C-alpha atoms as a PDB file:
ATOM      1  CA  UNK A   1      94.358 134.690  45.611  1.00  0.00           C
ATOM      2  CA  UNK A   2      92.381 137.169  47.708  1.00  0.00           C
ATOM      3  CA  UNK A   3      93.917 140.429  48.878  1.00  0.00           C
ATOM      4  CA  UNK A   4      94.011 139.129  52.448  1.00  0.00           C
ATOM      5  CA  UNK A   5      95.888 135.964  51.474  1.00  0.00           C
ATOM      6  CA  UNK A   6      98.328 138.123  49.508  1.00  0.00           C
ATOM      7  CA  UNK A   7      98.854 140.411  52.529  1.00  0.00           C
ATOM      8  CA  UNK A   8      99.450 137.337  54.685  1.00  0.00           C
ATOM      9  CA  UNK A   9     101.883 135.901  52.132  1.00  0.00           C
ATOM     10  CA  UNK A  10     103.810 139.164  51.882  1.00  0.00           C
ATOM     11  CA  UNK A  11     104.058 139.428  55.666  1.00  0.00           C
ATOM     12  CA  UNK A  12     105.364 135.870  56.057  1.00  0.00           C
ATOM     13  CA  UNK A  13     107.493 135.570  52.916  1.00  0.00           C
ATOM     14  CA  UNK A  14     110.668 136.308  54.895  1.00  0.00           C
ATOM     15  CA  UNK A  15     109.761 134.091  57.853  1.00  0.00           C
ATOM     16  CA  UNK A  16     108.597 130.909  56.134  1.00  0.00           C
ATOM     17  CA  UNK A  17     110.202 128.609  53.620  1.00  0.00           C
ATOM     18  CA  UNK A  18     108.665 129.300  50.175  1.00  0.00           C
ATOM     19  CA  UNK A  19     107.340 125.721  49.934  1.00  0.00           C
ATOM     20  CA  UNK A  20     105.674 125.996  53.355  1.00  0.00           C
ATOM     21  CA  UNK A  21     104.126 129.351  52.498  1.00  0.00           C
ATOM     22  CA  UNK A  22     102.828 127.984  49.210  1.00  0.00           C
ATOM     23  CA  UNK A  23     101.304 124.994  51.023  1.00  0.00           C
ATOM     24  CA  UNK A  24      99.621 127.325  53.535  1.00  0.00           C
ATOM     25  CA  UNK A  25      98.219 129.495  50.725  1.00  0.00           C
ATOM     26  CA  UNK A  26      96.822 126.388  49.056  1.00  0.00           C
ATOM     27  CA  UNK A  27      95.239 125.207  52.320  1.00  0.00           C
ATOM     28  CA  UNK A  28      93.540 128.572  52.860  1.00  0.00           C
ATOM     29  CA  UNK A  29      92.273 128.633  49.271  1.00  0.00           C
ATOM     30  CA  UNK A  30      91.014 125.023  49.566  1.00  0.00           C
ATOM     31  CA  UNK A  31      89.080 125.818  52.726  1.00  0.00           C
ATOM     32  CA  UNK A  32      87.504 128.935  51.228  1.00  0.00           C
ATOM     33  CA  UNK A  33      86.522 127.035  48.079  1.00  0.00           C
ATOM     34  CA  UNK A  34      85.086 124.226  50.199  1.00  0.00           C
ATOM     35  CA  UNK A  35      82.888 126.467  52.365  1.00  0.00           C
ATOM     36  CA  UNK A  36      82.066 128.894  49.553  1.00  0.00           C
ATOM     37  CA  UNK A  37      82.394 131.904  51.833  1.00  0.00           C
ATOM     38  CA  UNK A  38      84.855 134.753  52.304  1.00  0.00           C
ATOM     39  CA  UNK A  39      87.587 134.229  54.913  1.00  0.00           C
ATOM     40  CA  UNK A  40      85.889 136.501  57.470  1.00  0.00           C
ATOM     41  CA  UNK A  41      82.668 134.454  57.493  1.00  0.00           C
ATOM     42  CA  UNK A  42      84.215 131.012  58.096  1.00  0.00           C
ATOM     43  CA  UNK A  43      83.258 129.297  61.360  1.00  0.00           C
ATOM     44  CA  UNK A  44      85.160 126.842  63.537  1.00  0.00           C
ATOM     45  CA  UNK A  45      82.565 124.199  62.733  1.00  0.00           C
ATOM     46  CA  UNK A  46      83.172 124.609  58.983  1.00  0.00           C
ATOM     47  CA  UNK A  47      86.924 124.222  59.472  1.00  0.00           C
ATOM     48  CA  UNK A  48      86.364 121.069  61.580  1.00  0.00           C
ATOM     49  CA  UNK A  49      83.968 119.652  58.952  1.00  0.00           C
ATOM     50  CA  UNK A  50      86.520 120.306  56.211  1.00  0.00           C
ATOM     51  CA  UNK A  51      89.270 118.591  58.211  1.00  0.00           C
ATOM     52  CA  UNK A  52      86.945 115.631  58.876  1.00  0.00           C
ATOM     53  CA  UNK A  53      86.209 115.333  55.155  1.00  0.00           C
ATOM     54  CA  UNK A  54      89.932 115.359  54.422  1.00  0.00           C
ATOM     55  CA  UNK A  55      90.373 112.555  56.951  1.00  0.00           C
ATOM     56  CA  UNK A  56      87.587 110.526  55.341  1.00  0.00           C
ATOM     57  CA  UNK A  57      89.290 110.979  51.959  1.00  0.00           C
ATOM     58  CA  UNK A  58      92.427 109.388  53.393  1.00  0.00           C
ATOM     59  CA  UNK A  59      94.533 112.461  54.209  1.00  0.00           C
ATOM     60  CA  UNK A  60      97.066 111.627  56.911  1.00  0.00           C
ATOM     61  CA  UNK A  61      96.954 113.445  60.235  1.00  0.00           C
ATOM     62  CA  UNK A  62     100.327 115.094  59.519  1.00  0.00           C
ATOM     63  CA  UNK A  63      98.973 116.580  56.262  1.00  0.00           C
ATOM     64  CA  UNK A  64      95.795 117.778  57.985  1.00  0.00           C
ATOM     65  CA  UNK A  65      97.894 119.304  60.774  1.00  0.00           C
ATOM     66  CA  UNK A  66     100.009 121.195  58.258  1.00  0.00           C
ATOM     67  CA  UNK A  67      96.881 122.612  56.668  1.00  0.00           C
ATOM     68  CA  UNK A  68      95.495 123.545  60.076  1.00  0.00           C
ATOM     69  CA  UNK A  69      98.784 125.222  61.054  1.00  0.00           C
ATOM     70  CA  UNK A  70      98.491 127.340  57.919  1.00  0.00           C
ATOM     71  CA  UNK A  71      94.935 128.303  58.817  1.00  0.00           C
ATOM     72  CA  UNK A  72      95.885 129.097  62.404  1.00  0.00           C
ATOM     73  CA  UNK A  73      98.729 131.337  61.250  1.00  0.00           C
ATOM     74  CA  UNK A  74      96.524 133.039  58.648  1.00  0.00           C
ATOM     75  CA  UNK A  75      93.724 133.763  61.126  1.00  0.00           C
ATOM     76  CA  UNK A  76      96.178 134.939  63.793  1.00  0.00           C
ATOM     77  CA  UNK A  77      97.533 137.372  61.171  1.00  0.00           C
ATOM     78  CA  UNK A  78      93.970 138.473  60.356  1.00  0.00           C
ATOM     79  CA  UNK A  79      93.291 139.093  64.070  1.00  0.00           C
ATOM     80  CA  UNK A  80      96.498 141.121  64.456  1.00  0.00           C
ATOM     81  CA  UNK A  81      95.611 143.197  61.407  1.00  0.00           C
ATOM     82  CA  UNK A  82      92.021 143.745  62.558  1.00  0.00           C
ATOM     83  CA  UNK A  83      90.592 141.902  59.545  1.00  0.00           C
ATOM     84  CA  UNK A  84      88.482 139.542  61.688  1.00  0.00           C
ATOM     85  CA  UNK A  85      86.927 139.820  65.157  1.00  0.00           C
ATOM     86  CA  UNK A  86      87.017 136.085  65.958  1.00  0.00           C
ATOM     87  CA  UNK A  87      89.703 133.530  65.113  1.00  0.00           C
ATOM     88  CA  UNK A  88      87.782 130.416  63.970  1.00  0.00           C
ATOM     89  CA  UNK A  89      90.912 128.227  63.899  1.00  0.00           C
ATOM     90  CA  UNK A  90      92.295 129.086  67.341  1.00  0.00           C
ATOM     91  CA  UNK A  91      90.432 126.499  69.421  1.00  0.00           C
ATOM     92  CA  UNK A  92      90.795 123.625  66.951  1.00  0.00           C
ATOM     93  CA  UNK A  93      93.378 121.139  68.237  1.00  0.00           C
ATOM     94  CA  UNK A  94      95.907 119.433  66.028  1.00  0.00           C
ATOM     95  CA  UNK A  95      95.371 115.744  65.341  1.00  0.00           C
ATOM     96  CA  UNK A  96      97.541 113.240  67.138  1.00  0.00           C
ATOM     97  CA  UNK A  97     100.330 112.061  64.883  1.00  0.00           C
ATOM     98  CA  UNK A  98     101.503 108.507  65.227  1.00  0.00           C
ATOM     99  CA  UNK A  99     105.148 108.345  66.244  1.00  0.00           C
ATOM    100  CA  UNK A 100     107.128 106.456  63.661  1.00  0.00           C
ATOM    101  CA  UNK A 101     110.574 105.092  64.158  1.00  0.00           C
ATOM    102  CA  UNK A 102     113.003 106.123  61.454  1.00  0.00           C
ATOM    103  CA  UNK A 103     113.675 103.529  58.788  1.00  0.00           C
ATOM    104  CA  UNK A 104     117.288 102.587  58.170  1.00  0.00           C
ATOM    105  CA  UNK A 105     118.807 100.482  55.457  1.00  0.00           C
ATOM    106  CA  UNK A 106     120.267  97.203  56.566  1.00  0.00           C
ATOM    107  CA  UNK A 107     123.892  96.409  55.739  1.00  0.00           C
ATOM    108  CA  UNK A 108     122.681  94.047  53.005  1.00  0.00           C
ATOM    109  CA  UNK A 109     120.418  96.724  51.493  1.00  0.00           C
ATOM    110  CA  UNK A 110     123.225  99.282  51.530  1.00  0.00           C
ATOM    111  CA  UNK A 111     125.614  96.802  49.915  1.00  0.00           C
ATOM    112  CA  UNK A 112     123.054  96.048  47.208  1.00  0.00           C
ATOM    113  CA  UNK A 113     122.426  99.752  46.602  1.00  0.00           C
ATOM    114  CA  UNK A 114     126.168 100.413  46.343  1.00  0.00           C
ATOM    115  CA  UNK A 115     126.492  97.537  43.880  1.00  0.00           C
ATOM    116  CA  UNK A 116     123.657  98.913  41.737  1.00  0.00           C
ATOM    117  CA  UNK A 117     125.336 102.332  41.616  1.00  0.00           C
ATOM    118  CA  UNK A 118     128.872 100.963  41.150  1.00  0.00           C
ATOM    119  CA  UNK A 119     129.135 101.764  37.428  1.00  0.00           C
ATOM    120  CA  UNK A 120     127.938 105.355  37.716  1.00  0.00           C
ATOM    121  CA  UNK A 121     130.146 107.695  39.737  1.00  0.00           C
ATOM    122  CA  UNK A 122     127.380 110.280  40.179  1.00  0.00           C
ATOM    123  CA  UNK A 123     124.834 107.827  41.600  1.00  0.00           C
ATOM    124  CA  UNK A 124     127.509 106.182  43.730  1.00  0.00           C
ATOM    125  CA  UNK A 125     128.435 109.473  45.423  1.00  0.00           C
ATOM    126  CA  UNK A 126     124.763 110.361  45.907  1.00  0.00           C
ATOM    127  CA  UNK A 127     124.055 107.010  47.594  1.00  0.00           C
ATOM    128  CA  UNK A 128     127.142 107.212  49.778  1.00  0.00           C
ATOM    129  CA  UNK A 129     126.583 110.830  50.827  1.00  0.00           C
ATOM    130  CA  UNK A 130     122.909 110.309  51.655  1.00  0.00           C
ATOM    131  CA  UNK A 131     123.704 107.212  53.684  1.00  0.00           C
ATOM    132  CA  UNK A 132     126.784 108.581  55.476  1.00  0.00           C
ATOM    133  CA  UNK A 133     125.354 111.977  56.410  1.00  0.00           C
ATOM    134  CA  UNK A 134     121.609 111.428  56.727  1.00  0.00           C
ATOM    135  CA  UNK A 135     120.916 114.665  54.840  1.00  0.00           C
ATOM    136  CA  UNK A 136     117.718 115.229  52.904  1.00  0.00           C
ATOM    137  CA  UNK A 137     117.806 115.049  49.112  1.00  0.00           C
ATOM    138  CA  UNK A 138     117.058 118.784  48.848  1.00  0.00           C
ATOM    139  CA  UNK A 139     120.005 119.505  51.172  1.00  0.00           C
ATOM    140  CA  UNK A 140     122.297 117.298  49.091  1.00  0.00           C
ATOM    141  CA  UNK A 141     121.190 119.079  45.922  1.00  0.00           C
ATOM    142  CA  UNK A 142     122.053 122.487  47.396  1.00  0.00           C
ATOM    143  CA  UNK A 143     125.525 121.537  48.707  1.00  0.00           C
ATOM    144  CA  UNK A 144     128.590 123.340  47.380  1.00  0.00           C
ATOM    145  CA  UNK A 145     132.225 122.224  47.371  1.00  0.00           C
ATOM    146  CA  UNK A 146     132.995 125.142  49.692  1.00  0.00           C
ATOM    147  CA  UNK A 147     130.676 123.612  52.320  1.00  0.00           C
ATOM    148  CA  UNK A 148     132.967 120.585  52.729  1.00  0.00           C
ATOM    149  CA  UNK A 149     135.619 120.586  55.434  1.00  0.00           C
ATOM    150  CA  UNK A 150     137.927 117.786  54.327  1.00  0.00           C
ATOM    151  CA  UNK A 151     140.182 117.817  57.405  1.00  0.00           C
ATOM    152  CA  UNK A 152     137.249 117.265  59.766  1.00  0.00           C
ATOM    153  CA  UNK A 153     135.223 115.200  57.274  1.00  0.00           C
ATOM    154  CA  UNK A 154     132.186 117.420  57.737  1.00  0.00           C
ATOM    155  CA  UNK A 155     129.734 119.349  55.584  1.00  0.00           C
ATOM    156  CA  UNK A 156     127.964 122.550  56.566  1.00  0.00           C
ATOM    157  CA  UNK A 157     124.296 122.346  55.619  1.00  0.00           C
ATOM    158  CA  UNK A 158     122.944 125.871  55.159  1.00  0.00           C
ATOM    159  CA  UNK A 159     119.346 126.491  56.119  1.00  0.00           C
ATOM    160  CA  UNK A 160     118.073 122.934  56.236  1.00  0.00           C
ATOM    161  CA  UNK A 161     114.734 122.098  57.792  1.00  0.00           C
ATOM    162  CA  UNK A 162     113.235 125.043  59.701  1.00  0.00           C
ATOM    163  CA  UNK A 163     115.928 127.243  58.110  1.00  0.00           C
ATOM    164  CA  UNK A 164     118.546 126.040  60.588  1.00  0.00           C
ATOM    165  CA  UNK A 165     122.130 125.389  59.570  1.00  0.00           C
ATOM    166  CA  UNK A 166     123.982 122.381  60.910  1.00  0.00           C
ATOM    167  CA  UNK A 167     127.159 120.382  60.436  1.00  0.00           C
ATOM    168  CA  UNK A 168     127.042 116.730  59.376  1.00  0.00           C
ATOM    169  CA  UNK A 169     129.937 114.308  59.472  1.00  0.00           C
ATOM    170  CA  UNK A 170     130.814 111.778  56.799  1.00  0.00           C
ATOM    171  CA  UNK A 171     132.748 108.510  56.656  1.00  0.00           C
ATOM    172  CA  UNK A 172     136.056 107.693  54.972  1.00  0.00           C
ATOM    173  CA  UNK A 173     134.161 105.781  52.285  1.00  0.00           C
ATOM    174  CA  UNK A 174     132.059 108.878  51.612  1.00  0.00           C
ATOM    175  CA  UNK A 175     135.212 111.015  51.556  1.00  0.00           C
ATOM    176  CA  UNK A 176     136.734 108.736  48.903  1.00  0.00           C
ATOM    177  CA  UNK A 177     133.590 108.803  46.774  1.00  0.00           C
ATOM    178  CA  UNK A 178     133.196 112.597  47.057  1.00  0.00           C
ATOM    179  CA  UNK A 179     136.858 113.183  46.244  1.00  0.00           C
ATOM    180  CA  UNK A 180     136.757 110.797  43.251  1.00  0.00           C
ATOM    181  CA  UNK A 181     133.577 112.394  41.935  1.00  0.00           C
ATOM    182  CA  UNK A 182     134.890 115.964  42.261  1.00  0.00           C
ATOM    183  CA  UNK A 183     138.144 114.958  40.522  1.00  0.00           C
ATOM    184  CA  UNK A 184     136.181 113.434  37.634  1.00  0.00           C
ATOM    185  CA  UNK A 185     134.195 116.666  37.301  1.00  0.00           C
ATOM    186  CA  UNK A 186     137.431 118.665  37.071  1.00  0.00           C
ATOM    187  CA  UNK A 187     138.684 116.397  34.291  1.00  0.00           C
ATOM    188  CA  UNK A 188     135.468 116.794  32.319  1.00  0.00           C
ATOM    189  CA  UNK A 189     135.652 120.581  32.709  1.00  0.00           C
ATOM    190  CA  UNK A 190     139.263 120.592  31.419  1.00  0.00           C
ATOM    191  CA  UNK A 191     138.243 118.517  28.377  1.00  0.00           C
ATOM    192  CA  UNK A 192     135.631 121.065  27.345  1.00  0.00           C
ATOM    193  CA  UNK A 193     137.679 124.193  28.053  1.00  0.00           C
END
């Protein structure tokens, strides 16, 4: 990692999710390796050529846009810090991303999934919570018991996507599964204490 990428990373470490920052660092490093030049000698044309090559290799427009967003942020930082005179990424537009409708499980698929997880309380509660709340897997993994409001059947999701907190509601079936699972955990803890 060059000194400039490290400065950029330090400046944005409190503003960006660590995974996003890491992805941006990787994109910057990939571009610099591709063009074989220092960051302050890269041209707009070289960035466009790199993005075109990524497209030809099968990279989706959303992935290319994420890389380009990282480059745009990096070069804006370099401009603000006086490290470059011209921002080579500024005028490059993002690719159009095809709008996709969200995919939902049918009732039959959900029933089958519930049946497959029936014998394992852990998997059953995971399936039910994901389906009932629509949370991401990473959000489910970071949930705590204290985040659950049983009387309102809601869960507070701390710093989800874009570091925003939100409240999600859950169904009675999910409530039963969560309650059963948490009770079984208490029993296991008592057995080993």
